[in-house]
Amino acid sequence: MYVILSPFQIKREHRAEFIESIIEDAKSSVANEEGCLRFDVIQDANHMDRVWLYE
């Protein structure tokens, strides 16, 4: 099993749009990509402009 953990630094003015878009991408990945068992979108509690993707 492989795990991908990726941090993203998002410009504040694009944060809401990015999170909405990446959540849809995460749902699609779990539903349609063979072997994708989980895809979490995690907003960093200490840095609101940082988002972590765990796939």
PDB file of N, CA and C in Angstrom:
ATOM      1  N   MET A   1       0.841  -1.170   0.000  1.00  0.00           N
ATOM      2  CA  MET A   1       0.000   0.000   0.000  1.00  0.00           C
ATOM      3  C   MET A   1       0.892   1.241   0.000  1.00  0.00           C
ATOM      4  N   TYR A   2       0.494   2.208  -0.778  1.00  0.00           N
ATOM      5  CA  TYR A   2       1.201   3.485  -0.852  1.00  0.00           C
ATOM      6  C   TYR A   2       0.325   4.577  -0.244  1.00  0.00           C
ATOM      7  N   VAL A   3       0.968   5.533   0.376  1.00  0.00           N
ATOM      8  CA  VAL A   3       0.273   6.692   0.932  1.00  0.00           C
ATOM      9  C   VAL A   3       0.931   7.941   0.371  1.00  0.00           C
ATOM     10  N   ILE A   4       0.110   8.887  -0.036  1.00  0.00           N
ATOM     11  CA  ILE A   4       0.605  10.177  -0.515  1.00  0.00           C
ATOM     12  C   ILE A   4       0.121  11.235   0.468  1.00  0.00           C
ATOM     13  N   LEU A   5       1.050  12.008   0.991  1.00  0.00           N
ATOM     14  CA  LEU A   5       0.728  13.116   1.894  1.00  0.00           C
ATOM     15  C   LEU A   5       1.326  14.378   1.292  1.00  0.00           C
ATOM     16  N   SER A   6       0.463  15.300   0.903  1.00  0.00           N
ATOM     17  CA  SER A   6       0.922  16.502   0.195  1.00  0.00           C
ATOM     18  C   SER A   6       0.401  17.764   0.865  1.00  0.00           C
ATOM     19  N   PRO A   7       1.306  18.668   1.239  1.00  0.00           N
ATOM     20  CA  PRO A   7       0.860  19.958   1.764  1.00  0.00           C
ATOM     21  C   PRO A   7       0.675  20.962   0.620  1.00  0.00           C
ATOM     22  N   PHE A   8      -0.318  21.810   0.755  1.00  0.00           N
ATOM     23  CA  PHE A   8      -0.553  22.879  -0.216  1.00  0.00           C
ATOM     24  C   PHE A   8      -0.697  24.188   0.539  1.00  0.00           C
ATOM     25  N   GLN A   9       0.006  25.199   0.096  1.00  0.00           N
ATOM     26  CA  GLN A   9      -0.131  26.544   0.646  1.00  0.00           C
ATOM     27  C   GLN A   9      -1.066  27.296  -0.296  1.00  0.00           C
ATOM     28  N   ILE A  10      -2.203  27.718   0.213  1.00  0.00           N
ATOM     29  CA  ILE A  10      -3.244  28.321  -0.609  1.00  0.00           C
ATOM     30  C   ILE A  10      -3.310  29.825  -0.331  1.00  0.00           C
ATOM     31  N   LYS A  11      -3.430  30.605  -1.380  1.00  0.00           N
ATOM     32  CA  LYS A  11      -3.640  32.044  -1.184  1.00  0.00           C
ATOM     33  C   LYS A  11      -5.008  32.238  -0.525  1.00  0.00           C
ATOM     34  N   ARG A  12      -5.019  33.078   0.472  1.00  0.00           N
ATOM     35  CA  ARG A  12      -6.221  33.293   1.284  1.00  0.00           C
ATOM     36  C   ARG A  12      -7.466  33.566   0.437  1.00  0.00           C
ATOM     37  N   GLU A  13      -7.310  34.360  -0.607  1.00  0.00           N
ATOM     38  CA  GLU A  13      -8.474  34.724  -1.425  1.00  0.00           C
ATOM     39  C   GLU A  13      -9.001  33.568  -2.274  1.00  0.00           C
ATOM     40  N   HIS A  14      -8.235  32.482  -2.378  1.00  0.00           N
ATOM     41  CA  HIS A  14      -8.660  31.316  -3.165  1.00  0.00           C
ATOM     42  C   HIS A  14      -8.942  30.092  -2.297  1.00  0.00           C
ATOM     43  N   ARG A  15      -8.807  30.232  -0.984  1.00  0.00           N
ATOM     44  CA  ARG A  15      -8.910  29.084  -0.079  1.00  0.00           C
ATOM     45  C   ARG A  15     -10.256  28.372  -0.187  1.00  0.00           C
ATOM     46  N   ALA A  16     -11.368  29.084  -0.085  1.00  0.00           N
ATOM     47  CA  ALA A  16     -12.694  28.457  -0.115  1.00  0.00           C
ATOM     48  C   ALA A  16     -12.930  27.729  -1.435  1.00  0.00           C
ATOM     49  N   GLU A  17     -12.574  28.368  -2.530  1.00  0.00           N
ATOM     50  CA  GLU A  17     -12.744  27.756  -3.856  1.00  0.00           C
ATOM     51  C   GLU A  17     -11.879  26.500  -3.990  1.00  0.00           C
ATOM     52  N   PHE A  18     -10.636  26.566  -3.516  1.00  0.00           N
ATOM     53  CA  PHE A  18      -9.737  25.415  -3.593  1.00  0.00           C
ATOM     54  C   PHE A  18     -10.283  24.247  -2.778  1.00  0.00           C
ATOM     55  N   ILE A  19     -10.702  24.518  -1.555  1.00  0.00           N
ATOM     56  CA  ILE A  19     -11.186  23.442  -0.691  1.00  0.00           C
ATOM     57  C   ILE A  19     -12.432  22.798  -1.284  1.00  0.00           C
ATOM     58  N   GLU A  20     -13.352  23.590  -1.779  1.00  0.00           N
ATOM     59  CA  GLU A  20     -14.556  23.049  -2.412  1.00  0.00           C
ATOM     60  C   GLU A  20     -14.193  22.156  -3.599  1.00  0.00           C
ATOM     61  N   SER A  21     -13.287  22.618  -4.422  1.00  0.00           N
ATOM     62  CA  SER A  21     -12.875  21.871  -5.607  1.00  0.00           C
ATOM     63  C   SER A  21     -12.139  20.584  -5.244  1.00  0.00           C
ATOM     64  N   ILE A  22     -11.236  20.642  -4.267  1.00  0.00           N
ATOM     65  CA  ILE A  22     -10.441  19.465  -3.932  1.00  0.00           C
ATOM     66  C   ILE A  22     -11.291  18.415  -3.215  1.00  0.00           C
ATOM     67  N   ILE A  23     -12.317  18.832  -2.489  1.00  0.00           N
ATOM     68  CA  ILE A  23     -13.224  17.860  -1.865  1.00  0.00           C
ATOM     69  C   ILE A  23     -13.970  17.082  -2.940  1.00  0.00           C
ATOM     70  N   GLU A  24     -14.418  17.755  -3.984  1.00  0.00           N
ATOM     71  CA  GLU A  24     -15.078  17.059  -5.096  1.00  0.00           C
ATOM     72  C   GLU A  24     -14.108  16.098  -5.786  1.00  0.00           C
ATOM     73  N   ASP A  25     -12.864  16.534  -5.962  1.00  0.00           N
ATOM     74  CA  ASP A  25     -11.851  15.673  -6.567  1.00  0.00           C
ATOM     75  C   ASP A  25     -11.596  14.454  -5.691  1.00  0.00           C
ATOM     76  N   ALA A  26     -11.551  14.650  -4.387  1.00  0.00           N
ATOM     77  CA  ALA A  26     -11.327  13.542  -3.460  1.00  0.00           C
ATOM     78  C   ALA A  26     -12.457  12.518  -3.552  1.00  0.00           C
ATOM     79  N   LYS A  27     -13.689  12.981  -3.569  1.00  0.00           N
ATOM     80  CA  LYS A  27     -14.843  12.076  -3.695  1.00  0.00           C
ATOM     81  C   LYS A  27     -14.768  11.283  -4.991  1.00  0.00           C
ATOM     82  N   SER A  28     -14.428  11.961  -6.077  1.00  0.00           N
ATOM     83  CA  SER A  28     -14.316  11.308  -7.377  1.00  0.00           C
ATOM     84  C   SER A  28     -13.194  10.280  -7.388  1.00  0.00           C
ATOM     85  N   SER A  29     -12.082  10.604  -6.766  1.00  0.00           N
ATOM     86  CA  SER A  29     -10.947   9.675  -6.722  1.00  0.00           C
ATOM     87  C   SER A  29     -11.320   8.389  -6.008  1.00  0.00           C
ATOM     88  N   VAL A  30     -11.978   8.506  -4.855  1.00  0.00           N
ATOM     89  CA  VAL A  30     -12.368   7.314  -4.094  1.00  0.00           C
ATOM     90  C   VAL A  30     -13.393   6.494  -4.880  1.00  0.00           C
ATOM     91  N   ALA A  31     -14.313   7.158  -5.550  1.00  0.00           N
ATOM     92  CA  ALA A  31     -15.367   6.462  -6.285  1.00  0.00           C
ATOM     93  C   ALA A  31     -14.881   5.826  -7.578  1.00  0.00           C
ATOM     94  N   ASN A  32     -13.890   6.442  -8.241  1.00  0.00           N
ATOM     95  CA  ASN A  32     -13.562   6.025  -9.605  1.00  0.00           C
ATOM     96  C   ASN A  32     -12.156   5.494  -9.838  1.00  0.00           C
ATOM     97  N   GLU A  33     -11.237   5.715  -8.919  1.00  0.00           N
ATOM     98  CA  GLU A  33      -9.861   5.269  -9.128  1.00  0.00           C
ATOM     99  C   GLU A  33      -9.632   3.939  -8.420  1.00  0.00           C
ATOM    100  N   GLU A  34      -9.294   2.940  -9.207  1.00  0.00           N
ATOM    101  CA  GLU A  34      -9.022   1.624  -8.640  1.00  0.00           C
ATOM    102  C   GLU A  34      -7.875   1.726  -7.636  1.00  0.00           C
ATOM    103  N   GLY A  35      -8.082   1.177  -6.461  1.00  0.00           N
ATOM    104  CA  GLY A  35      -7.039   1.172  -5.446  1.00  0.00           C
ATOM    105  C   GLY A  35      -7.026   2.388  -4.542  1.00  0.00           C
ATOM    106  N   CYS A  36      -7.813   3.400  -4.862  1.00  0.00           N
ATOM    107  CA  CYS A  36      -7.881   4.580  -3.991  1.00  0.00           C
ATOM    108  C   CYS A  36      -8.900   4.282  -2.890  1.00  0.00           C
ATOM    109  N   LEU A  37      -8.397   4.015  -1.704  1.00  0.00           N
ATOM    110  CA  LEU A  37      -9.255   3.626  -0.594  1.00  0.00           C
ATOM    111  C   LEU A  37      -9.691   4.803   0.271  1.00  0.00           C
ATOM    112  N   ARG A  38      -8.907   5.861   0.217  1.00  0.00           N
ATOM    113  CA  ARG A  38      -9.174   7.003   1.089  1.00  0.00           C
ATOM    114  C   ARG A  38      -8.537   8.250   0.485  1.00  0.00           C
ATOM    115  N   PHE A  39      -9.186   9.386   0.656  1.00  0.00           N
ATOM    116  CA  PHE A  39      -8.634  10.659   0.207  1.00  0.00           C
ATOM    117  C   PHE A  39      -9.176  11.725   1.153  1.00  0.00           C
ATOM    118  N   ASP A  40      -8.341  12.156   2.077  1.00  0.00           N
ATOM    119  CA  ASP A  40      -8.754  13.142   3.072  1.00  0.00           C
ATOM    120  C   ASP A  40      -8.207  14.517   2.720  1.00  0.00           C
ATOM    121  N   VAL A  41      -8.998  15.524   2.966  1.00  0.00           N
ATOM    122  CA  VAL A  41      -8.597  16.920   2.816  1.00  0.00           C
ATOM    123  C   VAL A  41      -8.581  17.503   4.226  1.00  0.00           C
ATOM    124  N   ILE A  42      -7.399  17.922   4.677  1.00  0.00           N
ATOM    125  CA  ILE A  42      -7.228  18.348   6.062  1.00  0.00           C
ATOM    126  C   ILE A  42      -6.729  19.788   6.089  1.00  0.00           C
ATOM    127  N   GLN A  43      -7.490  20.654   6.720  1.00  0.00           N
ATOM    128  CA  GLN A  43      -7.050  22.040   6.862  1.00  0.00           C
ATOM    129  C   GLN A  43      -6.213  22.136   8.133  1.00  0.00           C
ATOM    130  N   ASP A  44      -5.010  22.657   8.004  1.00  0.00           N
ATOM    131  CA  ASP A  44      -4.079  22.792   9.119  1.00  0.00           C
ATOM    132  C   ASP A  44      -4.674  23.737  10.173  1.00  0.00           C
ATOM    133  N   ALA A  45      -4.775  23.269  11.407  1.00  0.00           N
ATOM    134  CA  ALA A  45      -5.379  24.063  12.479  1.00  0.00           C
ATOM    135  C   ALA A  45      -4.527  25.273  12.862  1.00  0.00           C
ATOM    136  N   ASN A  46      -3.227  25.197  12.617  1.00  0.00           N
ATOM    137  CA  ASN A  46      -2.330  26.289  12.987  1.00  0.00           C
ATOM    138  C   ASN A  46      -2.056  27.267  11.851  1.00  0.00           C
ATOM    139  N   HIS A  47      -2.334  26.852  10.622  1.00  0.00           N
ATOM    140  CA  HIS A  47      -2.077  27.681   9.438  1.00  0.00           C
ATOM    141  C   HIS A  47      -3.278  27.527   8.505  1.00  0.00           C
ATOM    142  N   MET A  48      -4.213  28.442   8.593  1.00  0.00           N
ATOM    143  CA  MET A  48      -5.467  28.305   7.845  1.00  0.00           C
ATOM    144  C   MET A  48      -5.284  28.307   6.328  1.00  0.00           C
ATOM    145  N   ASP A  49      -4.142  28.771   5.856  1.00  0.00           N
ATOM    146  CA  ASP A  49      -3.893  28.784   4.414  1.00  0.00           C
ATOM    147  C   ASP A  49      -3.131  27.549   3.952  1.00  0.00           C
ATOM    148  N   ARG A  50      -2.959  26.573   4.828  1.00  0.00           N
ATOM    149  CA  ARG A  50      -2.284  25.325   4.465  1.00  0.00           C
ATOM    150  C   ARG A  50      -3.301  24.186   4.524  1.00  0.00           C
ATOM    151  N   VAL A  51      -3.318  23.388   3.464  1.00  0.00           N
ATOM    152  CA  VAL A  51      -4.195  22.229   3.369  1.00  0.00           C
ATOM    153  C   VAL A  51      -3.328  21.012   3.091  1.00  0.00           C
ATOM    154  N   TRP A  52      -3.625  19.927   3.772  1.00  0.00           N
ATOM    155  CA  TRP A  52      -2.915  18.661   3.567  1.00  0.00           C
ATOM    156  C   TRP A  52      -3.847  17.687   2.862  1.00  0.00           C
ATOM    157  N   LEU A  53      -3.312  17.002   1.862  1.00  0.00           N
ATOM    158  CA  LEU A  53      -4.060  15.953   1.172  1.00  0.00           C
ATOM    159  C   LEU A  53      -3.442  14.617   1.539  1.00  0.00           C
ATOM    160  N   TYR A  54      -4.268  13.688   1.992  1.00  0.00           N
ATOM    161  CA  TYR A  54      -3.835  12.353   2.389  1.00  0.00           C
ATOM    162  C   TYR A  54      -4.591  11.370   1.518  1.00  0.00           C
ATOM    163  N   GLU A  55      -3.849  10.662   0.675  1.00  0.00           N
ATOM    164  CA  GLU A  55      -4.491   9.707  -0.236  1.00  0.00           C
ATOM    165  C   GLU A  55      -3.831   8.362  -0.072  1.00  0.00           C
TER     166      GLU A  55
END
